[in-house]
PDB file of N, CA and C in Angstrom:
ATOM      1  N   UNK A   1       0.845  -1.159   0.000  1.00  0.00           N
ATOM      2  CA  UNK A   1       0.000   0.000   0.000  1.00  0.00           C
ATOM      3  C   UNK A   1       0.895   1.229   0.000  1.00  0.00           C
ATOM      4  N   UNK A   2       0.326   2.336  -0.500  1.00  0.00           N
ATOM      5  CA  UNK A   2       1.092   3.569  -0.570  1.00  0.00           C
ATOM      6  C   UNK A   2       0.175   4.751  -0.289  1.00  0.00           C
ATOM      7  N   UNK A   3       0.617   5.600   0.629  1.00  0.00           N
ATOM      8  CA  UNK A   3      -0.079   6.847   0.957  1.00  0.00           C
ATOM      9  C   UNK A   3       0.915   7.975   0.738  1.00  0.00           C
ATOM     10  N   UNK A   4       0.919   8.540  -0.450  1.00  0.00           N
ATOM     11  CA  UNK A   4       1.957   9.509  -0.785  1.00  0.00           C
ATOM     12  C   UNK A   4       1.473  10.960  -0.828  1.00  0.00           C
ATOM     13  N   UNK A   5       0.359  11.249  -0.160  1.00  0.00           N
ATOM     14  CA  UNK A   5      -0.100  12.634  -0.058  1.00  0.00           C
ATOM     15  C   UNK A   5      -0.932  12.799   1.217  1.00  0.00           C
ATOM     16  N   UNK A   6      -1.064  14.020   1.662  1.00  0.00           N
ATOM     17  CA  UNK A   6      -1.843  14.321   2.867  1.00  0.00           C
ATOM     18  C   UNK A   6      -3.299  13.910   2.680  1.00  0.00           C
ATOM     19  N   UNK A   7      -3.859  14.201   1.515  1.00  0.00           N
ATOM     20  CA  UNK A   7      -5.252  13.843   1.255  1.00  0.00           C
ATOM     21  C   UNK A   7      -5.471  12.336   1.292  1.00  0.00           C
ATOM     22  N   UNK A   8      -4.518  11.570   0.763  1.00  0.00           N
ATOM     23  CA  UNK A   8      -4.632  10.113   0.792  1.00  0.00           C
ATOM     24  C   UNK A   8      -4.593   9.590   2.224  1.00  0.00           C
ATOM     25  N   UNK A   9      -3.738  10.173   3.046  1.00  0.00           N
ATOM     26  CA  UNK A   9      -3.658   9.760   4.452  1.00  0.00           C
ATOM     27  C   UNK A   9      -4.991  10.028   5.146  1.00  0.00           C
ATOM     28  N   UNK A  10      -5.527  11.216   4.967  1.00  0.00           N
ATOM     29  CA  UNK A  10      -6.797  11.572   5.609  1.00  0.00           C
ATOM     30  C   UNK A  10      -7.916  10.629   5.185  1.00  0.00           C
ATOM     31  N   UNK A  11      -8.008  10.348   3.903  1.00  0.00           N
ATOM     32  CA  UNK A  11      -9.069   9.477   3.401  1.00  0.00           C
ATOM     33  C   UNK A  11      -8.870   8.041   3.875  1.00  0.00           C
ATOM     34  N   UNK A  12      -7.615   7.556   3.848  1.00  0.00           N
ATOM     35  CA  UNK A  12      -7.309   6.202   4.309  1.00  0.00           C
ATOM     36  C   UNK A  12      -7.741   6.017   5.757  1.00  0.00           C
ATOM     37  N   UNK A  13      -7.331   6.934   6.622  1.00  0.00           N
ATOM     38  CA  UNK A  13      -7.663   6.830   8.052  1.00  0.00           C
ATOM     39  C   UNK A  13      -9.174   6.908   8.252  1.00  0.00           C
ATOM     40  N   UNK A  14      -9.827   7.768   7.517  1.00  0.00           N
ATOM     41  CA  UNK A  14     -11.279   7.892   7.613  1.00  0.00           C
ATOM     42  C   UNK A  14     -11.973   6.578   7.261  1.00  0.00           C
ATOM     43  N   UNK A  15     -11.508   5.915   6.221  1.00  0.00           N
ATOM     44  CA  UNK A  15     -12.078   4.620   5.836  1.00  0.00           C
ATOM     45  C   UNK A  15     -11.759   3.567   6.893  1.00  0.00           C
ATOM     46  N   UNK A  16     -10.516   3.513   7.339  1.00  0.00           N
ATOM     47  CA  UNK A  16     -10.095   2.508   8.329  1.00  0.00           C
ATOM     48  C   UNK A  16     -10.900   2.632   9.629  1.00  0.00           C
ATOM     49  N   UNK A  17     -11.211   3.861  10.033  1.00  0.00           N
ATOM     50  CA  UNK A  17     -11.957   4.082  11.275  1.00  0.00           C
ATOM     51  C   UNK A  17     -13.371   3.527  11.230  1.00  0.00           C
ATOM     52  N   UNK A  18     -13.904   3.276  10.060  1.00  0.00           N
ATOM     53  CA  UNK A  18     -15.272   2.767   9.924  1.00  0.00           C
ATOM     54  C   UNK A  18     -15.393   1.293  10.296  1.00  0.00           C
ATOM     55  N   UNK A  19     -14.265   0.611  10.411  1.00  0.00           N
ATOM     56  CA  UNK A  19     -14.260  -0.818  10.707  1.00  0.00           C
ATOM     57  C   UNK A  19     -13.846  -1.057  12.155  1.00  0.00           C
ATOM     58  N   UNK A  20     -14.390  -2.115  12.755  1.00  0.00           N
ATOM     59  CA  UNK A  20     -14.086  -2.446  14.147  1.00  0.00           C
ATOM     60  C   UNK A  20     -12.735  -3.143  14.313  1.00  0.00           C
ATOM     61  N   UNK A  21     -12.248  -3.769  13.260  1.00  0.00           N
ATOM     62  CA  UNK A  21     -11.015  -4.542  13.355  1.00  0.00           C
ATOM     63  C   UNK A  21      -9.806  -3.654  13.658  1.00  0.00           C
ATOM     64  N   UNK A  22      -8.858  -4.221  14.385  1.00  0.00           N
ATOM     65  CA  UNK A  22      -7.587  -3.539  14.618  1.00  0.00           C
ATOM     66  C   UNK A  22      -6.770  -3.642  13.345  1.00  0.00           C
ATOM     67  N   UNK A  23      -6.110  -2.536  12.975  1.00  0.00           N
ATOM     68  CA  UNK A  23      -5.279  -2.510  11.779  1.00  0.00           C
ATOM     69  C   UNK A  23      -3.975  -1.798  12.090  1.00  0.00           C
ATOM     70  N   UNK A  24      -2.889  -2.361  11.579  1.00  0.00           N
ATOM     71  CA  UNK A  24      -1.570  -1.749  11.713  1.00  0.00           C
ATOM     72  C   UNK A  24      -0.959  -1.558  10.336  1.00  0.00           C
ATOM     73  N   UNK A  25      -0.153  -0.537  10.206  1.00  0.00           N
ATOM     74  CA  UNK A  25       0.661  -0.313   9.018  1.00  0.00           C
ATOM     75  C   UNK A  25       2.092  -0.658   9.396  1.00  0.00           C
ATOM     76  N   UNK A  26       2.737  -1.476   8.583  1.00  0.00           N
ATOM     77  CA  UNK A  26       4.096  -1.910   8.880  1.00  0.00           C
ATOM     78  C   UNK A  26       5.006  -1.434   7.755  1.00  0.00           C
ATOM     79  N   UNK A  27       6.056  -0.722   8.146  1.00  0.00           N
ATOM     80  CA  UNK A  27       7.044  -0.215   7.194  1.00  0.00           C
ATOM     81  C   UNK A  27       8.419  -0.522   7.782  1.00  0.00           C
ATOM     82  N   UNK A  28       9.096  -1.500   7.196  1.00  0.00           N
ATOM     83  CA  UNK A  28      10.377  -1.926   7.764  1.00  0.00           C
ATOM     84  C   UNK A  28      10.150  -2.567   9.121  1.00  0.00           C
ATOM     85  N   UNK A  29      10.863  -2.076  10.129  1.00  0.00           N
ATOM     86  CA  UNK A  29      10.722  -2.606  11.488  1.00  0.00           C
ATOM     87  C   UNK A  29       9.719  -1.832  12.320  1.00  0.00           C
ATOM     88  N   UNK A  30       9.098  -0.814  11.716  1.00  0.00           N
ATOM     89  CA  UNK A  30       8.183   0.050  12.453  1.00  0.00           C
ATOM     90  C   UNK A  30       6.725  -0.322  12.193  1.00  0.00           C
ATOM     91  N   UNK A  31       5.927  -0.268  13.266  1.00  0.00           N
ATOM     92  CA  UNK A  31       4.502  -0.561  13.189  1.00  0.00           C
ATOM     93  C   UNK A  31       3.733   0.656  13.673  1.00  0.00           C
ATOM     94  N   UNK A  32       2.679   1.005  12.914  1.00  0.00           N
ATOM     95  CA  UNK A  32       1.888   2.200  13.204  1.00  0.00           C
ATOM     96  C   UNK A  32       0.404   1.842  13.242  1.00  0.00           C
ATOM     97  N   UNK A  33      -0.353   2.514  14.079  1.00  0.00           N
ATOM     98  CA  UNK A  33      -1.797   2.326  14.173  1.00  0.00           C
ATOM     99  C   UNK A  33      -2.454   2.911  12.924  1.00  0.00           C
ATOM    100  N   UNK A  34      -3.113   2.076  12.120  1.00  0.00           N
ATOM    101  CA  UNK A  34      -3.706   2.525  10.859  1.00  0.00           C
ATOM    102  C   UNK A  34      -4.904   3.440  11.054  1.00  0.00           C
ATOM    103  N   UNK A  35      -5.454   3.490  12.260  1.00  0.00           N
ATOM    104  CA  UNK A  35      -6.633   4.318  12.523  1.00  0.00           C
ATOM    105  C   UNK A  35      -6.276   5.646  13.178  1.00  0.00           C
ATOM    106  N   UNK A  36      -5.000   5.910  13.344  1.00  0.00           N
ATOM    107  CA  UNK A  36      -4.536   7.146  13.975  1.00  0.00           C
ATOM    108  C   UNK A  36      -3.837   8.022  12.946  1.00  0.00           C
ATOM    109  N   UNK A  37      -4.420   9.160  12.655  1.00  0.00           N
ATOM    110  CA  UNK A  37      -3.821  10.051  11.660  1.00  0.00           C
ATOM    111  C   UNK A  37      -2.447  10.527  12.110  1.00  0.00           C
ATOM    112  N   UNK A  38      -2.270  10.744  13.396  1.00  0.00           N
ATOM    113  CA  UNK A  38      -0.967  11.169  13.913  1.00  0.00           C
ATOM    114  C   UNK A  38       0.066  10.065  13.713  1.00  0.00           C
ATOM    115  N   UNK A  39      -0.342   8.834  13.987  1.00  0.00           N
ATOM    116  CA  UNK A  39       0.561   7.703  13.801  1.00  0.00           C
ATOM    117  C   UNK A  39       0.950   7.545  12.335  1.00  0.00           C
ATOM    118  N   UNK A  40      -0.026   7.638  11.439  1.00  0.00           N
ATOM    119  CA  UNK A  40       0.252   7.468  10.010  1.00  0.00           C
ATOM    120  C   UNK A  40       1.177   8.574   9.506  1.00  0.00           C
ATOM    121  N   UNK A  41       0.993   9.794   9.979  1.00  0.00           N
ATOM    122  CA  UNK A  41       1.871  10.880   9.544  1.00  0.00           C
ATOM    123  C   UNK A  41       3.298  10.725  10.059  1.00  0.00           C
ATOM    124  N   UNK A  42       3.524   9.855  11.031  1.00  0.00           N
ATOM    125  CA  UNK A  42       4.883   9.573  11.506  1.00  0.00           C
ATOM    126  C   UNK A  42       5.618   8.594  10.603  1.00  0.00           C
ATOM    127  N   UNK A  43       4.907   8.013   9.627  1.00  0.00           N
ATOM    128  CA  UNK A  43       5.526   7.077   8.690  1.00  0.00           C
ATOM    129  C   UNK A  43       6.289   7.838   7.612  1.00  0.00           C
ATOM    130  N   UNK A  44       7.179   7.134   6.941  1.00  0.00           N
ATOM    131  CA  UNK A  44       7.825   7.663   5.743  1.00  0.00           C
ATOM    132  C   UNK A  44       6.850   7.425   4.597  1.00  0.00           C
ATOM    133  N   UNK A  45       6.100   8.457   4.231  1.00  0.00           N
ATOM    134  CA  UNK A  45       5.022   8.302   3.255  1.00  0.00           C
ATOM    135  C   UNK A  45       5.521   8.054   1.836  1.00  0.00           C
ATOM    136  N   UNK A  46       6.796   8.186   1.601  1.00  0.00           N
ATOM    137  CA  UNK A  46       7.349   7.928   0.271  1.00  0.00           C
ATOM    138  C   UNK A  46       7.556   6.432   0.030  1.00  0.00           C
ATOM    139  N   UNK A  47       7.487   5.652   1.097  1.00  0.00           N
ATOM    140  CA  UNK A  47       7.725   4.209   0.985  1.00  0.00           C
ATOM    141  C   UNK A  47       6.422   3.434   1.089  1.00  0.00           C
ATOM    142  N   UNK A  48       6.304   2.337   0.338  1.00  0.00           N
ATOM    143  CA  UNK A  48       5.122   1.485   0.489  1.00  0.00           C
ATOM    144  C   UNK A  48       5.156   0.772   1.840  1.00  0.00           C
ATOM    145  N   UNK A  49       4.002   0.312   2.284  1.00  0.00           N
ATOM    146  CA  UNK A  49       3.895  -0.352   3.574  1.00  0.00           C
ATOM    147  C   UNK A  49       2.956  -1.539   3.452  1.00  0.00           C
ATOM    148  N   UNK A  50       2.933  -2.341   4.501  1.00  0.00           N
ATOM    149  CA  UNK A  50       2.048  -3.499   4.582  1.00  0.00           C
ATOM    150  C   UNK A  50       0.943  -3.189   5.574  1.00  0.00           C
ATOM    151  N   UNK A  51      -0.285  -3.537   5.220  1.00  0.00           N
ATOM    152  CA  UNK A  51      -1.423  -3.383   6.118  1.00  0.00           C
ATOM    153  C   UNK A  51      -1.693  -4.726   6.775  1.00  0.00           C
ATOM    154  N   UNK A  52      -1.726  -4.743   8.103  1.00  0.00           N
ATOM    155  CA  UNK A  52      -2.089  -5.942   8.859  1.00  0.00           C
ATOM    156  C   UNK A  52      -3.470  -5.710   9.452  1.00  0.00           C
ATOM    157  N   UNK A  53      -4.364  -6.655   9.212  1.00  0.00           N
ATOM    158  CA  UNK A  53      -5.725  -6.568   9.713  1.00  0.00           C
ATOM    159  C   UNK A  53      -5.946  -7.741  10.656  1.00  0.00           C
ATOM    160  N   UNK A  54      -6.451  -7.455  11.843  1.00  0.00           N
ATOM    161  CA  UNK A  54      -6.699  -8.488  12.845  1.00  0.00           C
ATOM    162  C   UNK A  54      -8.210  -8.685  12.952  1.00  0.00           C
ATOM    163  N   UNK A  55      -8.732  -9.656  12.189  1.00  0.00           N
ATOM    164  CA  UNK A  55     -10.168  -9.912  12.176  1.00  0.00           C
ATOM    165  C   UNK A  55     -10.465 -11.153  11.357  1.00  0.00           C
ATOM    166  N   UNK A  56     -11.756 -11.394  11.144  1.00  0.00           N
ATOM    167  CA  UNK A  56     -12.110 -12.582  10.370  1.00  0.00           C
ATOM    168  C   UNK A  56     -11.953 -12.319   8.880  1.00  0.00           C
ATOM    169  N   UNK A  57     -11.930 -13.393   8.096  1.00  0.00           N
ATOM    170  CA  UNK A  57     -11.622 -13.298   6.665  1.00  0.00           C
ATOM    171  C   UNK A  57     -12.646 -12.457   5.900  1.00  0.00           C
ATOM    172  N   UNK A  58     -13.919 -12.603   6.214  1.00  0.00           N
ATOM    173  CA  UNK A  58     -14.957 -11.842   5.503  1.00  0.00           C
ATOM    174  C   UNK A  58     -14.773 -10.344   5.721  1.00  0.00           C
ATOM    175  N   UNK A  59     -14.522  -9.955   6.955  1.00  0.00           N
ATOM    176  CA  UNK A  59     -14.317  -8.545   7.239  1.00  0.00           C
ATOM    177  C   UNK A  59     -13.029  -8.037   6.598  1.00  0.00           C
ATOM    178  N   UNK A  60     -12.017  -8.870   6.562  1.00  0.00           N
ATOM    179  CA  UNK A  60     -10.759  -8.488   5.920  1.00  0.00           C
ATOM    180  C   UNK A  60     -10.982  -8.204   4.438  1.00  0.00           C
ATOM    181  N   UNK A  61     -11.763  -9.026   3.783  1.00  0.00           N
ATOM    182  CA  UNK A  61     -12.069  -8.797   2.371  1.00  0.00           C
ATOM    183  C   UNK A  61     -12.807  -7.475   2.173  1.00  0.00           C
ATOM    184  N   UNK A  62     -13.747  -7.163   3.060  1.00  0.00           N
ATOM    185  CA  UNK A  62     -14.482  -5.897   2.975  1.00  0.00           C
ATOM    186  C   UNK A  62     -13.549  -4.699   3.167  1.00  0.00           C
ATOM    187  N   UNK A  63     -12.632  -4.819   4.098  1.00  0.00           N
ATOM    188  CA  UNK A  63     -11.674  -3.738   4.351  1.00  0.00           C
ATOM    189  C   UNK A  63     -10.777  -3.533   3.137  1.00  0.00           C
ATOM    190  N   UNK A  64     -10.264  -4.631   2.593  1.00  0.00           N
ATOM    191  CA  UNK A  64      -9.377  -4.520   1.428  1.00  0.00           C
ATOM    192  C   UNK A  64     -10.111  -3.916   0.231  1.00  0.00           C
ATOM    193  N   UNK A  65     -11.360  -4.248   0.066  1.00  0.00           N
ATOM    194  CA  UNK A  65     -12.154  -3.664  -1.020  1.00  0.00           C
ATOM    195  C   UNK A  65     -12.304  -2.155  -0.802  1.00  0.00           C
ATOM    196  N   UNK A  66     -12.570  -1.738   0.419  1.00  0.00           N
ATOM    197  CA  UNK A  66     -12.739  -0.311   0.724  1.00  0.00           C
ATOM    198  C   UNK A  66     -11.440   0.466   0.527  1.00  0.00           C
ATOM    199  N   UNK A  67     -10.309  -0.199   0.716  1.00  0.00           N
ATOM    200  CA  UNK A  67      -8.998   0.464   0.640  1.00  0.00           C
ATOM    201  C   UNK A  67      -8.244   0.141  -0.655  1.00  0.00           C
ATOM    202  N   UNK A  68      -8.901  -0.428  -1.636  1.00  0.00           N
ATOM    203  CA  UNK A  68      -8.226  -0.922  -2.845  1.00  0.00           C
ATOM    204  C   UNK A  68      -7.456   0.155  -3.601  1.00  0.00           C
ATOM    205  N   UNK A  69      -7.867   1.409  -3.532  1.00  0.00           N
ATOM    206  CA  UNK A  69      -7.165   2.463  -4.290  1.00  0.00           C
ATOM    207  C   UNK A  69      -5.745   2.725  -3.761  1.00  0.00           C
ATOM    208  N   UNK A  70      -5.431   2.216  -2.582  1.00  0.00           N
ATOM    209  CA  UNK A  70      -4.101   2.430  -1.988  1.00  0.00           C
ATOM    210  C   UNK A  70      -3.166   1.248  -2.202  1.00  0.00           C
ATOM    211  N   UNK A  71      -3.659   0.184  -2.812  1.00  0.00           N
ATOM    212  CA  UNK A  71      -2.858  -1.024  -3.014  1.00  0.00           C
ATOM    213  C   UNK A  71      -1.925  -0.823  -4.206  1.00  0.00           C
ATOM    214  N   UNK A  72      -0.657  -1.136  -3.998  1.00  0.00           N
ATOM    215  CA  UNK A  72       0.345  -1.117  -5.061  1.00  0.00           C
ATOM    216  C   UNK A  72       1.005  -2.495  -5.106  1.00  0.00           C
ATOM    217  N   UNK A  73       1.518  -2.845  -6.260  1.00  0.00           N
ATOM    218  CA  UNK A  73       2.188  -4.149  -6.410  1.00  0.00           C
ATOM    219  C   UNK A  73       3.627  -4.093  -5.958  1.00  0.00           C
TER     220      UNK A  73
END
């Protein structure tokens, strides 16, 4: 995933907050709370990251669908 602008960060966090599942963003050895705008802004936004979702598979699929515009290969 990639959040390379302030607007993308704001929208990403807004979408993530709509779900009950815990989510973390992992970049290198650092882990950040995906639902905290302050935490996300502490990341190096120029680098892609991994999203970890702690929930059941059906909810994970719904979350990934909602966040699909941020997915990079």
